[in-house]
mmCIF file of all heavy atoms, coordinates in Angstrom:
data_MODEL
# 
_entry.id   MODEL 
# 
loop_
_atom_site.group_PDB 
_atom_site.id 
_atom_site.type_symbol 
_atom_site.label_atom_id 
_atom_site.label_alt_id 
_atom_site.label_comp_id 
_atom_site.label_asym_id 
_atom_site.label_entity_id 
_atom_site.label_seq_id 
_atom_site.pdbx_PDB_ins_code 
_atom_site.Cartn_x 
_atom_site.Cartn_y 
_atom_site.Cartn_z 
_atom_site.occupancy 
_atom_site.B_iso_or_equiv 
_atom_site.pdbx_formal_charge 
_atom_site.auth_seq_id 
_atom_site.auth_comp_id 
_atom_site.auth_asym_id 
_atom_site.auth_atom_id 
_atom_site.pdbx_PDB_model_num 
ATOM 1   N N   . ILE A 1 1  ? 104.683 109.214 112.046 1.00 0.00 ? 1  ILE A N   1 
ATOM 2   C CA  . ILE A 1 1  ? 105.930 108.507 111.788 1.00 0.00 ? 1  ILE A CA  1 
ATOM 3   C C   . ILE A 1 1  ? 107.000 109.419 111.243 1.00 0.00 ? 1  ILE A C   1 
ATOM 4   O O   . ILE A 1 1  ? 108.132 109.416 111.754 1.00 0.00 ? 1  ILE A O   1 
ATOM 5   C CB  . ILE A 1 1  ? 105.660 107.336 110.779 1.00 0.00 ? 1  ILE A CB  1 
ATOM 6   C CG1 . ILE A 1 1  ? 104.607 106.398 111.298 1.00 0.00 ? 1  ILE A CG1 1 
ATOM 7   C CG2 . ILE A 1 1  ? 106.967 106.558 110.490 1.00 0.00 ? 1  ILE A CG2 1 
ATOM 8   C CD1 . ILE A 1 1  ? 104.913 105.733 112.598 1.00 0.00 ? 1  ILE A CD1 1 
ATOM 9   N N   . SER A 1 2  ? 106.597 110.224 110.279 1.00 0.00 ? 2  SER A N   1 
ATOM 10  C CA  . SER A 1 2  ? 107.607 111.197 109.750 1.00 0.00 ? 2  SER A CA  1 
ATOM 11  C C   . SER A 1 2  ? 106.858 112.299 109.018 1.00 0.00 ? 2  SER A C   1 
ATOM 12  O O   . SER A 1 2  ? 105.831 112.126 108.386 1.00 0.00 ? 2  SER A O   1 
ATOM 13  C CB  . SER A 1 2  ? 108.588 110.516 108.800 1.00 0.00 ? 2  SER A CB  1 
ATOM 14  O OG  . SER A 1 2  ? 107.938 110.033 107.616 1.00 0.00 ? 2  SER A OG  1 
ATOM 15  N N   . ILE A 1 3  ? 107.411 113.512 109.100 1.00 0.00 ? 3  ILE A N   1 
ATOM 16  C CA  . ILE A 1 3  ? 107.032 114.656 108.322 1.00 0.00 ? 3  ILE A CA  1 
ATOM 17  C C   . ILE A 1 3  ? 108.325 115.235 107.736 1.00 0.00 ? 3  ILE A C   1 
ATOM 18  O O   . ILE A 1 3  ? 109.219 115.625 108.482 1.00 0.00 ? 3  ILE A O   1 
ATOM 19  C CB  . ILE A 1 3  ? 106.266 115.701 109.119 1.00 0.00 ? 3  ILE A CB  1 
ATOM 20  C CG1 . ILE A 1 3  ? 104.934 115.132 109.609 1.00 0.00 ? 3  ILE A CG1 1 
ATOM 21  C CG2 . ILE A 1 3  ? 106.004 116.921 108.257 1.00 0.00 ? 3  ILE A CG2 1 
ATOM 22  C CD1 . ILE A 1 3  ? 104.124 116.091 110.491 1.00 0.00 ? 3  ILE A CD1 1 
ATOM 23  N N   . SER A 1 4  ? 108.447 115.258 106.420 1.00 0.00 ? 4  SER A N   1 
ATOM 24  C CA  . SER A 1 4  ? 109.666 115.704 105.841 1.00 0.00 ? 4  SER A CA  1 
ATOM 25  C C   . SER A 1 4  ? 109.839 117.193 105.920 1.00 0.00 ? 4  SER A C   1 
ATOM 26  O O   . SER A 1 4  ? 108.915 117.934 106.162 1.00 0.00 ? 4  SER A O   1 
ATOM 27  C CB  . SER A 1 4  ? 109.667 115.284 104.348 1.00 0.00 ? 4  SER A CB  1 
ATOM 28  O OG  . SER A 1 4  ? 108.844 116.122 103.586 1.00 0.00 ? 4  SER A OG  1 
ATOM 29  N N   . GLU A 1 5  ? 111.089 117.597 105.668 1.00 0.00 ? 5  GLU A N   1 
ATOM 30  C CA  . GLU A 1 5  ? 111.332 119.014 105.406 1.00 0.00 ? 5  GLU A CA  1 
ATOM 31  C C   . GLU A 1 5  ? 110.730 119.370 104.056 1.00 0.00 ? 5  GLU A C   1 
ATOM 32  O O   . GLU A 1 5  ? 110.594 118.499 103.197 1.00 0.00 ? 5  GLU A O   1 
ATOM 33  C CB  . GLU A 1 5  ? 112.810 119.317 105.379 1.00 0.00 ? 5  GLU A CB  1 
ATOM 34  C CG  . GLU A 1 5  ? 113.461 119.125 106.783 1.00 0.00 ? 5  GLU A CG  1 
ATOM 35  C CD  . GLU A 1 5  ? 112.914 120.164 107.805 1.00 0.00 ? 5  GLU A CD  1 
ATOM 36  O OE1 . GLU A 1 5  ? 112.747 121.340 107.394 1.00 0.00 ? 5  GLU A OE1 1 
ATOM 37  O OE2 . GLU A 1 5  ? 112.673 119.725 108.962 1.00 0.00 ? 5  GLU A OE2 1 
ATOM 38  N N   . PRO A 1 6  ? 110.325 120.573 103.807 1.00 0.00 ? 6  PRO A N   1 
ATOM 39  C CA  . PRO A 1 6  ? 109.821 120.968 102.481 1.00 0.00 ? 6  PRO A CA  1 
ATOM 40  C C   . PRO A 1 6  ? 110.884 120.787 101.418 1.00 0.00 ? 6  PRO A C   1 
ATOM 41  O O   . PRO A 1 6  ? 112.073 121.159 101.640 1.00 0.00 ? 6  PRO A O   1 
ATOM 42  C CB  . PRO A 1 6  ? 109.437 122.445 102.655 1.00 0.00 ? 6  PRO A CB  1 
ATOM 43  C CG  . PRO A 1 6  ? 109.239 122.640 104.094 1.00 0.00 ? 6  PRO A CG  1 
ATOM 44  C CD  . PRO A 1 6  ? 110.202 121.702 104.749 1.00 0.00 ? 6  PRO A CD  1 
ATOM 45  N N   . VAL A 1 7  ? 110.489 120.144 100.299 1.00 0.00 ? 7  VAL A N   1 
ATOM 46  C CA  . VAL A 1 7  ? 111.410 119.925 99.218  1.00 0.00 ? 7  VAL A CA  1 
ATOM 47  C C   . VAL A 1 7  ? 110.804 120.389 97.870  1.00 0.00 ? 7  VAL A C   1 
ATOM 48  O O   . VAL A 1 7  ? 109.603 120.321 97.710  1.00 0.00 ? 7  VAL A O   1 
ATOM 49  C CB  . VAL A 1 7  ? 111.805 118.402 99.116  1.00 0.00 ? 7  VAL A CB  1 
ATOM 50  C CG1 . VAL A 1 7  ? 112.610 117.999 100.355 1.00 0.00 ? 7  VAL A CG1 1 
ATOM 51  C CG2 . VAL A 1 7  ? 110.616 117.540 98.940  1.00 0.00 ? 7  VAL A CG2 1 
ATOM 52  N N   . VAL A 1 8  ? 111.641 120.827 97.007  1.00 0.00 ? 8  VAL A N   1 
ATOM 53  C CA  . VAL A 1 8  ? 111.192 121.319 95.679  1.00 0.00 ? 8  VAL A CA  1 
ATOM 54  C C   . VAL A 1 8  ? 110.685 120.087 94.939  1.00 0.00 ? 8  VAL A C   1 
ATOM 55  O O   . VAL A 1 8  ? 111.296 119.005 94.906  1.00 0.00 ? 8  VAL A O   1 
ATOM 56  C CB  . VAL A 1 8  ? 112.331 121.981 94.894  1.00 0.00 ? 8  VAL A CB  1 
ATOM 57  C CG1 . VAL A 1 8  ? 111.920 122.273 93.467  1.00 0.00 ? 8  VAL A CG1 1 
ATOM 58  C CG2 . VAL A 1 8  ? 112.784 123.225 95.585  1.00 0.00 ? 8  VAL A CG2 1 
ATOM 59  N N   . TYR A 1 9  ? 109.539 120.240 94.278  1.00 0.00 ? 9  TYR A N   1 
ATOM 60  C CA  . TYR A 1 9  ? 108.901 119.099 93.644  1.00 0.00 ? 9  TYR A CA  1 
ATOM 61  C C   . TYR A 1 9  ? 108.695 119.191 92.094  1.00 0.00 ? 9  TYR A C   1 
ATOM 62  O O   . TYR A 1 9  ? 108.381 118.221 91.440  1.00 0.00 ? 9  TYR A O   1 
ATOM 63  C CB  . TYR A 1 9  ? 107.563 118.709 94.319  1.00 0.00 ? 9  TYR A CB  1 
ATOM 64  C CG  . TYR A 1 9  ? 106.466 119.676 94.075  1.00 0.00 ? 9  TYR A CG  1 
ATOM 65  C CD1 . TYR A 1 9  ? 105.428 119.375 93.197  1.00 0.00 ? 9  TYR A CD1 1 
ATOM 66  C CD2 . TYR A 1 9  ? 106.417 120.922 94.751  1.00 0.00 ? 9  TYR A CD2 1 
ATOM 67  C CE1 . TYR A 1 9  ? 104.392 120.300 92.961  1.00 0.00 ? 9  TYR A CE1 1 
ATOM 68  C CE2 . TYR A 1 9  ? 105.353 121.784 94.532  1.00 0.00 ? 9  TYR A CE2 1 
ATOM 69  C CZ  . TYR A 1 9  ? 104.380 121.499 93.639  1.00 0.00 ? 9  TYR A CZ  1 
ATOM 70  O OH  . TYR A 1 9  ? 103.362 122.411 93.447  1.00 0.00 ? 9  TYR A OH  1 
ATOM 71  N N   . LEU A 1 10 ? 108.829 120.456 91.598  1.00 0.00 ? 10 LEU A N   1 
ATOM 72  C CA  . LEU A 1 10 ? 108.753 120.632 90.170  1.00 0.00 ? 10 LEU A CA  1 
ATOM 73  C C   . LEU A 1 10 ? 109.951 121.462 89.715  1.00 0.00 ? 10 LEU A C   1 
ATOM 74  O O   . LEU A 1 10 ? 109.813 122.619 89.318  1.00 0.00 ? 10 LEU A O   1 
ATOM 75  C CB  . LEU A 1 10 ? 107.429 121.355 89.752  1.00 0.00 ? 10 LEU A CB  1 
ATOM 76  C CG  . LEU A 1 10 ? 106.154 120.539 89.923  1.00 0.00 ? 10 LEU A CG  1 
ATOM 77  C CD1 . LEU A 1 10 ? 104.962 121.441 89.569  1.00 0.00 ? 10 LEU A CD1 1 
ATOM 78  C CD2 . LEU A 1 10 ? 106.122 119.257 89.149  1.00 0.00 ? 10 LEU A CD2 1 
ATOM 79  N N   . PRO A 1 11 ? 111.150 120.904 89.851  1.00 0.00 ? 11 PRO A N   1 
ATOM 80  C CA  . PRO A 1 11 ? 112.372 121.722 89.646  1.00 0.00 ? 11 PRO A CA  1 
ATOM 81  C C   . PRO A 1 11 ? 112.522 122.280 88.243  1.00 0.00 ? 11 PRO A C   1 
ATOM 82  O O   . PRO A 1 11 ? 113.215 123.299 88.096  1.00 0.00 ? 11 PRO A O   1 
ATOM 83  C CB  . PRO A 1 11 ? 113.497 120.720 89.986  1.00 0.00 ? 11 PRO A CB  1 
ATOM 84  C CG  . PRO A 1 11 ? 112.920 119.357 89.748  1.00 0.00 ? 11 PRO A CG  1 
ATOM 85  C CD  . PRO A 1 11 ? 111.471 119.529 90.158  1.00 0.00 ? 11 PRO A CD  1 
ATOM 86  N N   . HIS A 1 12 ? 111.871 121.689 87.260  1.00 0.00 ? 12 HIS A N   1 
ATOM 87  C CA  . HIS A 1 12 ? 112.073 122.139 85.858  1.00 0.00 ? 12 HIS A CA  1 
ATOM 88  C C   . HIS A 1 12 ? 110.877 122.851 85.309  1.00 0.00 ? 12 HIS A C   1 
ATOM 89  O O   . HIS A 1 12 ? 110.829 123.162 84.123  1.00 0.00 ? 12 HIS A O   1 
ATOM 90  C CB  . HIS A 1 12 ? 112.404 120.943 84.961  1.00 0.00 ? 12 HIS A CB  1 
ATOM 91  C CG  . HIS A 1 12 ? 113.557 120.117 85.488  1.00 0.00 ? 12 HIS A CG  1 
ATOM 92  N ND1 . HIS A 1 12 ? 114.763 120.669 85.888  1.00 0.00 ? 12 HIS A ND1 1 
ATOM 93  C CD2 . HIS A 1 12 ? 113.696 118.824 85.672  1.00 0.00 ? 12 HIS A CD2 1 
ATOM 94  C CE1 . HIS A 1 12 ? 115.581 119.736 86.283  1.00 0.00 ? 12 HIS A CE1 1 
ATOM 95  N NE2 . HIS A 1 12 ? 114.942 118.630 86.170  1.00 0.00 ? 12 HIS A NE2 1 
ATOM 96  N N   . ARG A 1 13 ? 109.857 123.156 86.170  1.00 0.00 ? 13 ARG A N   1 
ATOM 97  C CA  . ARG A 1 13 ? 108.732 123.929 85.692  1.00 0.00 ? 13 ARG A CA  1 
ATOM 98  C C   . ARG A 1 13 ? 108.948 125.417 85.995  1.00 0.00 ? 13 ARG A C   1 
ATOM 99  O O   . ARG A 1 13 ? 109.221 125.789 87.106  1.00 0.00 ? 13 ARG A O   1 
ATOM 100 C CB  . ARG A 1 13 ? 107.419 123.490 86.384  1.00 0.00 ? 13 ARG A CB  1 
ATOM 101 C CG  . ARG A 1 13 ? 106.180 124.173 85.830  1.00 0.00 ? 13 ARG A CG  1 
ATOM 102 C CD  . ARG A 1 13 ? 104.896 123.720 86.458  1.00 0.00 ? 13 ARG A CD  1 
ATOM 103 N NE  . ARG A 1 13 ? 103.808 124.425 85.862  1.00 0.00 ? 13 ARG A NE  1 
ATOM 104 C CZ  . ARG A 1 13 ? 102.525 124.342 86.296  1.00 0.00 ? 13 ARG A CZ  1 
ATOM 105 N NH1 . ARG A 1 13 ? 102.247 123.542 87.333  1.00 0.00 ? 13 ARG A NH1 1 
ATOM 106 N NH2 . ARG A 1 13 ? 101.532 125.011 85.706  1.00 0.00 ? 13 ARG A NH2 1 
ATOM 107 N N   . GLU A 1 14 ? 108.819 126.250 84.936  1.00 0.00 ? 14 GLU A N   1 
ATOM 108 C CA  . GLU A 1 14 ? 109.025 127.684 85.071  1.00 0.00 ? 14 GLU A CA  1 
ATOM 109 C C   . GLU A 1 14 ? 108.109 128.276 86.167  1.00 0.00 ? 14 GLU A C   1 
ATOM 110 O O   . GLU A 1 14 ? 106.927 128.015 86.133  1.00 0.00 ? 14 GLU A O   1 
ATOM 111 C CB  . GLU A 1 14 ? 108.819 128.324 83.759  1.00 0.00 ? 14 GLU A CB  1 
ATOM 112 C CG  . GLU A 1 14 ? 109.102 129.867 83.753  1.00 0.00 ? 14 GLU A CG  1 
ATOM 113 C CD  . GLU A 1 14 ? 108.914 130.511 82.382  1.00 0.00 ? 14 GLU A CD  1 
ATOM 114 O OE1 . GLU A 1 14 ? 108.614 129.780 81.427  1.00 0.00 ? 14 GLU A OE1 1 
ATOM 115 O OE2 . GLU A 1 14 ? 109.053 131.762 82.342  1.00 0.00 ? 14 GLU A OE2 1 
ATOM 116 N N   . GLY A 1 15 ? 108.675 128.986 87.068  1.00 0.00 ? 15 GLY A N   1 
ATOM 117 C CA  . GLY A 1 15 ? 107.900 129.668 88.094  1.00 0.00 ? 15 GLY A CA  1 
ATOM 118 C C   . GLY A 1 15 ? 107.744 128.776 89.371  1.00 0.00 ? 15 GLY A C   1 
ATOM 119 O O   . GLY A 1 15 ? 107.212 129.227 90.368  1.00 0.00 ? 15 GLY A O   1 
ATOM 120 N N   . TYR A 1 16 ? 108.139 127.507 89.266  1.00 0.00 ? 16 TYR A N   1 
ATOM 121 C CA  . TYR A 1 16 ? 107.950 126.562 90.419  1.00 0.00 ? 16 TYR A CA  1 
ATOM 122 C C   . TYR A 1 16 ? 109.277 126.119 90.945  1.00 0.00 ? 16 TYR A C   1 
ATOM 123 O O   . TYR A 1 16 ? 109.331 125.178 91.775  1.00 0.00 ? 16 TYR A O   1 
ATOM 124 C CB  . TYR A 1 16 ? 107.164 125.357 89.933  1.00 0.00 ? 16 TYR A CB  1 
ATOM 125 C CG  . TYR A 1 16 ? 105.663 125.592 89.869  1.00 0.00 ? 16 TYR A CG  1 
ATOM 126 C CD1 . TYR A 1 16 ? 105.166 126.421 88.897  1.00 0.00 ? 16 TYR A CD1 1 
ATOM 127 C CD2 . TYR A 1 16 ? 104.799 125.018 90.736  1.00 0.00 ? 16 TYR A CD2 1 
ATOM 128 C CE1 . TYR A 1 16 ? 103.792 126.632 88.792  1.00 0.00 ? 16 TYR A CE1 1 
ATOM 129 C CE2 . TYR A 1 16 ? 103.430 125.203 90.653  1.00 0.00 ? 16 TYR A CE2 1 
ATOM 130 C CZ  . TYR A 1 16 ? 102.922 126.044 89.677  1.00 0.00 ? 16 TYR A CZ  1 
ATOM 131 O OH  . TYR A 1 16 ? 101.596 126.257 89.563  1.00 0.00 ? 16 TYR A OH  1 
ATOM 132 N N   . GLU A 1 17 ? 110.381 126.762 90.551  1.00 0.00 ? 17 GLU A N   1 
ATOM 133 C CA  . GLU A 1 17 ? 111.675 126.286 90.954  1.00 0.00 ? 17 GLU A CA  1 
ATOM 134 C C   . GLU A 1 17 ? 111.941 126.253 92.521  1.00 0.00 ? 17 GLU A C   1 
ATOM 135 O O   . GLU A 1 17 ? 112.793 125.502 92.991  1.00 0.00 ? 17 GLU A O   1 
ATOM 136 C CB  . GLU A 1 17 ? 112.778 127.114 90.285  1.00 0.00 ? 17 GLU A CB  1 
ATOM 137 C CG  . GLU A 1 17 ? 112.803 127.015 88.792  1.00 0.00 ? 17 GLU A CG  1 
ATOM 138 C CD  . GLU A 1 17 ? 111.923 128.009 88.116  1.00 0.00 ? 17 GLU A CD  1 
ATOM 139 O OE1 . GLU A 1 17 ? 111.108 128.728 88.812  1.00 0.00 ? 17 GLU A OE1 1 
ATOM 140 O OE2 . GLU A 1 17 ? 111.897 128.088 86.840  1.00 0.00 ? 17 GLU A OE2 1 
ATOM 141 N N   . GLU A 1 18 ? 111.135 127.084 93.200  1.00 0.00 ? 18 GLU A N   1 
ATOM 142 C CA  . GLU A 1 18 ? 111.301 127.142 94.645  1.00 0.00 ? 18 GLU A CA  1 
ATOM 143 C C   . GLU A 1 18 ? 110.004 126.719 95.356  1.00 0.00 ? 18 GLU A C   1 
ATOM 144 O O   . GLU A 1 18 ? 109.964 126.793 96.569  1.00 0.00 ? 18 GLU A O   1 
ATOM 145 C CB  . GLU A 1 18 ? 111.651 128.580 95.074  1.00 0.00 ? 18 GLU A CB  1 
ATOM 146 C CG  . GLU A 1 18 ? 113.021 129.041 94.543  1.00 0.00 ? 18 GLU A CG  1 
ATOM 147 C CD  . GLU A 1 18 ? 113.440 130.411 95.018  1.00 0.00 ? 18 GLU A CD  1 
ATOM 148 O OE1 . GLU A 1 18 ? 112.632 131.018 95.763  1.00 0.00 ? 18 GLU A OE1 1 
ATOM 149 O OE2 . GLU A 1 18 ? 114.491 130.886 94.636  1.00 0.00 ? 18 GLU A OE2 1 
ATOM 150 N N   . ARG A 1 19 ? 109.068 126.176 94.610  1.00 0.00 ? 19 ARG A N   1 
ATOM 151 C CA  . ARG A 1 19 ? 107.829 125.704 95.245  1.00 0.00 ? 19 ARG A CA  1 
ATOM 152 C C   . ARG A 1 19 ? 108.075 124.322 95.880  1.00 0.00 ? 19 ARG A C   1 
ATOM 153 O O   . ARG A 1 19 ? 108.670 123.471 95.311  1.00 0.00 ? 19 ARG A O   1 
ATOM 154 C CB  . ARG A 1 19 ? 106.717 125.525 94.170  1.00 0.00 ? 19 ARG A CB  1 
ATOM 155 C CG  . ARG A 1 19 ? 105.322 125.354 94.720  1.00 0.00 ? 19 ARG A CG  1 
ATOM 156 C CD  . ARG A 1 19 ? 104.763 126.556 95.335  1.00 0.00 ? 19 ARG A CD  1 
ATOM 157 N NE  . ARG A 1 19 ? 104.600 127.661 94.410  1.00 0.00 ? 19 ARG A NE  1 
ATOM 158 C CZ  . ARG A 1 19 ? 103.510 127.828 93.642  1.00 0.00 ? 19 ARG A CZ  1 
ATOM 159 N NH1 . ARG A 1 19 ? 102.509 126.891 93.699  1.00 0.00 ? 19 ARG A NH1 1 
ATOM 160 N NH2 . ARG A 1 19 ? 103.415 128.808 92.794  1.00 0.00 ? 19 ARG A NH2 1 
ATOM 161 N N   . THR A 1 20 ? 107.593 124.168 97.099  1.00 0.00 ? 20 THR A N   1 
ATOM 162 C CA  . THR A 1 20 ? 107.971 122.934 97.863  1.00 0.00 ? 20 THR A CA  1 
ATOM 163 C C   . THR A 1 20 ? 106.740 122.143 98.238  1.00 0.00 ? 20 THR A C   1 
ATOM 164 O O   . THR A 1 20 ? 105.623 122.620 98.350  1.00 0.00 ? 20 THR A O   1 
ATOM 165 C CB  . THR A 1 20 ? 108.737 123.331 99.095  1.00 0.00 ? 20 THR A CB  1 
ATOM 166 O OG1 . THR A 1 20 ? 107.977 124.297 99.910  1.00 0.00 ? 20 THR A OG1 1 
ATOM 167 C CG2 . THR A 1 20 ? 110.083 123.966 98.789  1.00 0.00 ? 20 THR A CG2 1 
ATOM 168 N N   . VAL A 1 21 ? 107.064 120.878 98.542  1.00 0.00 ? 21 VAL A N   1 
ATOM 169 C CA  . VAL A 1 21 ? 106.058 119.906 98.963  1.00 0.00 ? 21 VAL A CA  1 
ATOM 170 C C   . VAL A 1 21 ? 106.522 119.198 100.261 1.00 0.00 ? 21 VAL A C   1 
ATOM 171 O O   . VAL A 1 21 ? 107.762 119.144 100.475 1.00 0.00 ? 21 VAL A O   1 
ATOM 172 C CB  . VAL A 1 21 ? 105.728 118.868 97.867  1.00 0.00 ? 21 VAL A CB  1 
ATOM 173 C CG1 . VAL A 1 21 ? 106.886 117.919 97.699  1.00 0.00 ? 21 VAL A CG1 1 
ATOM 174 C CG2 . VAL A 1 21 ? 104.462 118.118 98.129  1.00 0.00 ? 21 VAL A CG2 1 
ATOM 175 N N   . ILE A 1 22 ? 105.575 118.763 101.073 1.00 0.00 ? 22 ILE A N   1 
ATOM 176 C CA  . ILE A 1 22 ? 105.930 118.074 102.299 1.00 0.00 ? 22 ILE A CA  1 
ATOM 177 C C   . ILE A 1 22 ? 105.334 116.622 102.212 1.00 0.00 ? 22 ILE A C   1 
ATOM 178 O O   . ILE A 1 22 ? 104.228 116.443 101.728 1.00 0.00 ? 22 ILE A O   1 
ATOM 179 C CB  . ILE A 1 22 ? 105.336 118.780 103.545 1.00 0.00 ? 22 ILE A CB  1 
ATOM 180 C CG1 . ILE A 1 22 ? 105.827 120.235 103.584 1.00 0.00 ? 22 ILE A CG1 1 
ATOM 181 C CG2 . ILE A 1 22 ? 105.708 118.043 104.826 1.00 0.00 ? 22 ILE A CG2 1 
ATOM 182 C CD1 . ILE A 1 22 ? 105.122 121.097 104.649 1.00 0.00 ? 22 ILE A CD1 1 
ATOM 183 N N   . TYR A 1 23 ? 106.147 115.652 102.689 1.00 0.00 ? 23 TYR A N   1 
ATOM 184 C CA  . TYR A 1 23 ? 105.684 114.247 102.700 1.00 0.00 ? 23 TYR A CA  1 
ATOM 185 C C   . TYR A 1 23 ? 105.319 113.909 104.175 1.00 0.00 ? 23 TYR A C   1 
ATOM 186 O O   . TYR A 1 23 ? 106.096 114.183 105.104 1.00 0.00 ? 23 TYR A O   1 
ATOM 187 C CB  . TYR A 1 23 ? 106.842 113.346 102.269 1.00 0.00 ? 23 TYR A CB  1 
ATOM 188 C CG  . TYR A 1 23 ? 107.204 113.498 100.830 1.00 0.00 ? 23 TYR A CG  1 
ATOM 189 C CD1 . TYR A 1 23 ? 108.199 114.440 100.509 1.00 0.00 ? 23 TYR A CD1 1 
ATOM 190 C CD2 . TYR A 1 23 ? 106.658 112.720 99.810  1.00 0.00 ? 23 TYR A CD2 1 
ATOM 191 C CE1 . TYR A 1 23 ? 108.583 114.623 99.162  1.00 0.00 ? 23 TYR A CE1 1 
ATOM 192 C CE2 . TYR A 1 23 ? 107.046 112.883 98.471  1.00 0.00 ? 23 TYR A CE2 1 
ATOM 193 C CZ  . TYR A 1 23 ? 107.995 113.855 98.197  1.00 0.00 ? 23 TYR A CZ  1 
ATOM 194 O OH  . TYR A 1 23 ? 108.369 114.015 96.868  1.00 0.00 ? 23 TYR A OH  1 
ATOM 195 N N   . PHE A 1 24 ? 104.169 113.265 104.273 1.00 0.00 ? 24 PHE A N   1 
ATOM 196 C CA  . PHE A 1 24 ? 103.641 112.851 105.626 1.00 0.00 ? 24 PHE A CA  1 
ATOM 197 C C   . PHE A 1 24 ? 103.442 111.370 105.682 1.00 0.00 ? 24 PHE A C   1 
ATOM 198 O O   . PHE A 1 24 ? 102.910 110.776 104.734 1.00 0.00 ? 24 PHE A O   1 
ATOM 199 C CB  . PHE A 1 24 ? 102.301 113.533 105.858 1.00 0.00 ? 24 PHE A CB  1 
ATOM 200 C CG  . PHE A 1 24 ? 102.305 115.043 105.806 1.00 0.00 ? 24 PHE A CG  1 
ATOM 201 C CD1 . PHE A 1 24 ? 102.216 115.721 104.619 1.00 0.00 ? 24 PHE A CD1 1 
ATOM 202 C CD2 . PHE A 1 24 ? 102.438 115.764 107.019 1.00 0.00 ? 24 PHE A CD2 1 
ATOM 203 C CE1 . PHE A 1 24 ? 102.225 117.091 104.571 1.00 0.00 ? 24 PHE A CE1 1 
ATOM 204 C CE2 . PHE A 1 24 ? 102.480 117.169 106.957 1.00 0.00 ? 24 PHE A CE2 1 
ATOM 205 C CZ  . PHE A 1 24 ? 102.351 117.835 105.692 1.00 0.00 ? 24 PHE A CZ  1 
ATOM 206 N N   . THR A 1 25 ? 103.891 110.726 106.753 1.00 0.00 ? 25 THR A N   1 
ATOM 207 C CA  . THR A 1 25 ? 103.643 109.323 106.974 1.00 0.00 ? 25 THR A CA  1 
ATOM 208 C C   . THR A 1 25 ? 103.067 109.161 108.378 1.00 0.00 ? 25 THR A C   1 
ATOM 209 O O   . THR A 1 25 ? 103.664 109.582 109.336 1.00 0.00 ? 25 THR A O   1 
ATOM 210 C CB  . THR A 1 25 ? 104.961 108.532 106.885 1.00 0.00 ? 25 THR A CB  1 
ATOM 211 O OG1 . THR A 1 25 ? 105.563 108.775 105.611 1.00 0.00 ? 25 THR A OG1 1 
ATOM 212 C CG2 . THR A 1 25 ? 104.687 107.063 106.994 1.00 0.00 ? 25 THR A CG2 1 
ATOM 213 N N   . TYR A 1 26 ? 101.889 108.533 108.388 1.00 0.00 ? 26 TYR A N   1 
ATOM 214 C CA  . TYR A 1 26 ? 101.201 108.290 109.671 1.00 0.00 ? 26 TYR A CA  1 
ATOM 215 C C   . TYR A 1 26 ? 100.821 106.803 109.770 1.00 0.00 ? 26 TYR A C   1 
ATOM 216 O O   . TYR A 1 26 ? 100.531 106.135 108.789 1.00 0.00 ? 26 TYR A O   1 
ATOM 217 C CB  . TYR A 1 26 ? 99.927  109.084 109.759 1.00 0.00 ? 26 TYR A CB  1 
ATOM 218 C CG  . TYR A 1 26 ? 100.140 110.558 110.155 1.00 0.00 ? 26 TYR A CG  1 
ATOM 219 C CD1 . TYR A 1 26 ? 100.247 111.539 109.233 1.00 0.00 ? 26 TYR A CD1 1 
ATOM 220 C CD2 . TYR A 1 26 ? 100.224 110.934 111.464 1.00 0.00 ? 26 TYR A CD2 1 
ATOM 221 C CE1 . TYR A 1 26 ? 100.437 112.871 109.530 1.00 0.00 ? 26 TYR A CE1 1 
ATOM 222 C CE2 . TYR A 1 26 ? 100.471 112.235 111.875 1.00 0.00 ? 26 TYR A CE2 1 
ATOM 223 C CZ  . TYR A 1 26 ? 100.555 113.190 110.870 1.00 0.00 ? 26 TYR A CZ  1 
ATOM 224 O OH  . TYR A 1 26 ? 100.734 114.514 111.232 1.00 0.00 ? 26 TYR A OH  1 
ATOM 225 N N   . GLN A 1 27 ? 100.823 106.304 111.012 1.00 0.00 ? 27 GLN A N   1 
ATOM 226 C CA  . GLN A 1 27 ? 100.277 105.007 111.292 1.00 0.00 ? 27 GLN A CA  1 
ATOM 227 C C   . GLN A 1 27 ? 98.918  105.146 111.929 1.00 0.00 ? 27 GLN A C   1 
ATOM 228 O O   . GLN A 1 27 ? 98.718  106.042 112.743 1.00 0.00 ? 27 GLN A O   1 
ATOM 229 C CB  . GLN A 1 27 ? 101.229 104.213 112.207 1.00 0.00 ? 27 GLN A CB  1 
ATOM 230 C CG  . GLN A 1 27 ? 100.796 102.777 112.439 1.00 0.00 ? 27 GLN A CG  1 
ATOM 231 C CD  . GLN A 1 27 ? 101.771 101.950 113.240 1.00 0.00 ? 27 GLN A CD  1 
ATOM 232 O OE1 . GLN A 1 27 ? 102.339 102.461 114.158 1.00 0.00 ? 27 GLN A OE1 1 
ATOM 233 N NE2 . GLN A 1 27 ? 101.887 100.686 112.958 1.00 0.00 ? 27 GLN A NE2 1 
# 
């Protein structure tokens, strides 16, 4: 159904400001 672009998921955690996560939706 959808796969997101990678997005930052812990913006305020030191060392993770550029770490990204992907969201997946399947039927």
